[in-house]
């Protein structure tokens, strides 16, 4: 949803990429939601992170972190 709305709300691209850190953070244990399923949801999520990263590179040049830092 964040990635899909990036053209209308550009800030959502940064939020989509920041979400990857939250999901990976062991304090929240969100990664557990992906471990107990058939892996499809994890694959879909990682694909969305990949698309958001590519979109960030498209708008920010060769620096993959520019979209997060701006």
N, C-alpha and C. Protein backbone atom coordinates (compact mmCIF):
# COMPACT_ATOMS: atom_id res chain seq x y z
N UNK A 1 0.82 -1.18 0.00
CA UNK A 1 0.00 0.00 0.00
C UNK A 1 0.88 1.26 0.00
N UNK A 2 1.93 1.26 0.80
CA UNK A 2 2.84 2.41 0.82
C UNK A 2 3.50 2.58 -0.54
N UNK A 3 3.96 1.48 -1.11
CA UNK A 3 4.62 1.55 -2.41
C UNK A 3 3.62 1.98 -3.48
N UNK A 4 2.43 1.41 -3.46
CA UNK A 4 1.43 1.71 -4.48
C UNK A 4 0.99 3.17 -4.45
N UNK A 5 1.04 3.80 -3.30
CA UNK A 5 0.57 5.18 -3.18
C UNK A 5 1.69 6.21 -3.32
N UNK A 6 2.90 5.75 -3.68
CA UNK A 6 4.06 6.65 -3.71
C UNK A 6 3.92 7.80 -4.70
N UNK A 7 3.18 7.62 -5.78
CA UNK A 7 3.03 8.69 -6.75
C UNK A 7 2.13 9.80 -6.23
N UNK A 8 1.20 9.45 -5.37
CA UNK A 8 0.28 10.44 -4.79
C UNK A 8 0.84 11.03 -3.50
N UNK A 9 1.57 10.20 -2.76
CA UNK A 9 2.18 10.63 -1.49
C UNK A 9 3.65 10.19 -1.54
N UNK A 10 4.53 11.02 -2.10
CA UNK A 10 5.94 10.63 -2.27
C UNK A 10 6.62 10.18 -0.98
N UNK A 11 6.21 10.71 0.14
CA UNK A 11 6.77 10.34 1.44
C UNK A 11 6.60 8.84 1.72
N UNK A 12 5.59 8.21 1.11
CA UNK A 12 5.32 6.80 1.37
C UNK A 12 6.40 5.87 0.83
N UNK A 13 7.17 6.32 -0.16
CA UNK A 13 8.28 5.49 -0.62
C UNK A 13 9.31 5.35 0.49
N UNK A 14 9.63 6.44 1.15
CA UNK A 14 10.57 6.40 2.27
C UNK A 14 10.00 5.53 3.39
N UNK A 15 8.74 5.68 3.66
CA UNK A 15 8.11 4.88 4.73
C UNK A 15 8.15 3.40 4.40
N UNK A 16 7.96 3.05 3.15
CA UNK A 16 8.01 1.64 2.74
C UNK A 16 9.38 1.06 3.00
N UNK A 17 10.42 1.84 2.73
CA UNK A 17 11.78 1.35 2.96
C UNK A 17 12.12 1.32 4.45
N UNK A 18 11.61 2.26 5.21
CA UNK A 18 11.84 2.25 6.66
C UNK A 18 11.15 1.07 7.31
N UNK A 19 10.04 0.64 6.75
CA UNK A 19 9.30 -0.49 7.29
C UNK A 19 10.14 -1.77 7.30
N UNK A 20 11.05 -1.91 6.34
CA UNK A 20 11.92 -3.08 6.31
C UNK A 20 12.75 -3.19 7.58
N UNK A 21 13.22 -2.07 8.09
CA UNK A 21 13.99 -2.08 9.34
C UNK A 21 13.12 -2.47 10.52
N UNK A 22 11.90 -2.02 10.53
CA UNK A 22 10.98 -2.36 11.63
C UNK A 22 10.67 -3.85 11.62
N UNK A 23 10.39 -4.40 10.43
CA UNK A 23 10.09 -5.83 10.32
C UNK A 23 11.30 -6.66 10.76
N UNK A 24 12.50 -6.23 10.43
CA UNK A 24 13.70 -6.99 10.77
C UNK A 24 14.13 -6.82 12.22
N UNK A 25 13.63 -5.80 12.90
CA UNK A 25 14.04 -5.51 14.28
C UNK A 25 13.53 -6.59 15.23
N UNK A 26 14.45 -7.21 15.95
CA UNK A 26 14.08 -8.32 16.85
C UNK A 26 13.23 -7.87 18.03
N UNK A 27 13.24 -6.59 18.35
CA UNK A 27 12.42 -6.12 19.47
C UNK A 27 10.92 -6.28 19.20
N UNK A 28 10.54 -6.19 17.94
CA UNK A 28 9.11 -6.25 17.60
C UNK A 28 8.65 -7.65 17.22
N UNK A 29 9.60 -8.52 16.86
CA UNK A 29 9.30 -9.91 16.49
C UNK A 29 8.28 -10.04 15.36
N UNK A 30 8.24 -9.07 14.49
CA UNK A 30 7.31 -9.13 13.36
C UNK A 30 7.71 -10.20 12.36
N UNK A 31 8.99 -10.52 12.32
CA UNK A 31 9.45 -11.56 11.40
C UNK A 31 8.80 -12.90 11.70
N UNK A 32 8.35 -13.11 12.93
CA UNK A 32 7.67 -14.36 13.29
C UNK A 32 6.43 -14.58 12.43
N UNK A 33 5.77 -13.50 12.05
CA UNK A 33 4.57 -13.63 11.21
C UNK A 33 4.89 -14.27 9.86
N UNK A 34 6.12 -14.12 9.40
CA UNK A 34 6.51 -14.70 8.13
C UNK A 34 7.00 -16.13 8.27
N UNK A 35 7.50 -16.51 9.43
CA UNK A 35 8.11 -17.83 9.61
C UNK A 35 7.09 -18.96 9.64
N UNK A 36 5.90 -18.70 10.10
CA UNK A 36 4.94 -19.77 10.31
C UNK A 36 4.00 -19.97 9.13
N UNK A 37 4.20 -19.23 8.08
CA UNK A 37 3.37 -19.38 6.90
C UNK A 37 4.13 -20.13 5.82
N UNK A 38 3.52 -20.32 4.69
CA UNK A 38 4.16 -21.09 3.62
C UNK A 38 5.27 -20.33 2.91
N UNK A 39 5.58 -19.14 3.34
CA UNK A 39 6.65 -18.36 2.74
C UNK A 39 6.16 -17.41 1.67
N UNK A 40 4.92 -17.56 1.24
CA UNK A 40 4.39 -16.70 0.19
C UNK A 40 4.36 -15.25 0.64
N UNK A 41 3.90 -15.00 1.85
CA UNK A 41 3.82 -13.63 2.33
C UNK A 41 5.20 -13.00 2.44
N UNK A 42 6.18 -13.77 2.86
CA UNK A 42 7.53 -13.24 2.93
C UNK A 42 8.03 -12.88 1.54
N UNK A 43 7.79 -13.74 0.58
CA UNK A 43 8.20 -13.46 -0.80
C UNK A 43 7.52 -12.22 -1.35
N UNK A 44 6.24 -12.07 -1.07
CA UNK A 44 5.51 -10.88 -1.53
C UNK A 44 6.05 -9.62 -0.86
N UNK A 45 6.34 -9.72 0.42
CA UNK A 45 6.88 -8.56 1.14
C UNK A 45 8.25 -8.17 0.60
N UNK A 46 9.12 -9.16 0.43
CA UNK A 46 10.45 -8.87 -0.09
C UNK A 46 10.40 -8.31 -1.50
N UNK A 47 9.43 -8.75 -2.30
CA UNK A 47 9.26 -8.19 -3.64
C UNK A 47 8.86 -6.72 -3.56
N UNK A 48 8.00 -6.39 -2.61
CA UNK A 48 7.59 -4.99 -2.42
C UNK A 48 8.77 -4.13 -1.97
N UNK A 49 9.62 -4.67 -1.10
CA UNK A 49 10.82 -3.94 -0.67
C UNK A 49 11.75 -3.74 -1.86
N UNK A 50 11.90 -4.75 -2.69
CA UNK A 50 12.73 -4.65 -3.88
C UNK A 50 12.21 -3.56 -4.82
N UNK A 51 10.89 -3.55 -5.07
CA UNK A 51 10.30 -2.55 -5.95
C UNK A 51 10.48 -1.15 -5.38
N UNK A 52 10.33 -1.00 -4.07
CA UNK A 52 10.51 0.31 -3.43
C UNK A 52 11.96 0.77 -3.54
N UNK A 53 12.89 -0.15 -3.41
CA UNK A 53 14.31 0.19 -3.55
C UNK A 53 14.62 0.64 -4.97
N UNK A 54 14.10 -0.08 -5.95
CA UNK A 54 14.31 0.29 -7.35
C UNK A 54 13.68 1.64 -7.65
N UNK A 55 12.49 1.89 -7.12
CA UNK A 55 11.84 3.19 -7.31
C UNK A 55 12.65 4.31 -6.67
N UNK A 56 13.24 4.03 -5.52
CA UNK A 56 14.09 5.01 -4.86
C UNK A 56 15.32 5.34 -5.67
N UNK A 57 15.89 4.32 -6.30
CA UNK A 57 17.05 4.55 -7.17
C UNK A 57 16.65 5.36 -8.40
N UNK A 58 15.45 5.11 -8.90
CA UNK A 58 14.98 5.84 -10.07
C UNK A 58 14.79 7.32 -9.78
N UNK A 59 14.38 7.64 -8.57
CA UNK A 59 14.14 9.03 -8.21
C UNK A 59 15.33 9.71 -7.56
N UNK A 60 16.30 8.92 -7.10
CA UNK A 60 17.39 9.52 -6.35
C UNK A 60 18.77 9.25 -6.89
N UNK A 61 18.87 8.72 -8.09
CA UNK A 61 20.19 8.44 -8.65
C UNK A 61 20.72 7.10 -8.17
N UNK A 62 22.02 7.02 -7.99
CA UNK A 62 22.66 5.74 -7.66
C UNK A 62 22.76 5.47 -6.17
N UNK A 63 22.34 6.40 -5.33
CA UNK A 63 22.43 6.22 -3.88
C UNK A 63 21.15 5.58 -3.36
N UNK A 64 21.19 4.30 -2.95
CA UNK A 64 19.97 3.64 -2.51
C UNK A 64 19.43 4.18 -1.18
N UNK A 65 20.25 4.94 -0.43
CA UNK A 65 19.80 5.45 0.85
C UNK A 65 19.27 6.89 0.76
N UNK A 66 19.41 7.50 -0.38
CA UNK A 66 19.00 8.90 -0.53
C UNK A 66 17.52 9.09 -0.20
N UNK A 67 16.68 8.18 -0.64
CA UNK A 67 15.25 8.32 -0.40
C UNK A 67 14.92 8.22 1.09
N UNK A 68 15.70 7.45 1.84
CA UNK A 68 15.46 7.31 3.27
C UNK A 68 15.97 8.52 4.03
N UNK A 69 17.11 9.04 3.62
CA UNK A 69 17.74 10.15 4.33
C UNK A 69 17.12 11.51 4.01
N UNK A 70 16.36 11.59 2.95
CA UNK A 70 15.79 12.90 2.60
C UNK A 70 14.44 13.13 3.22
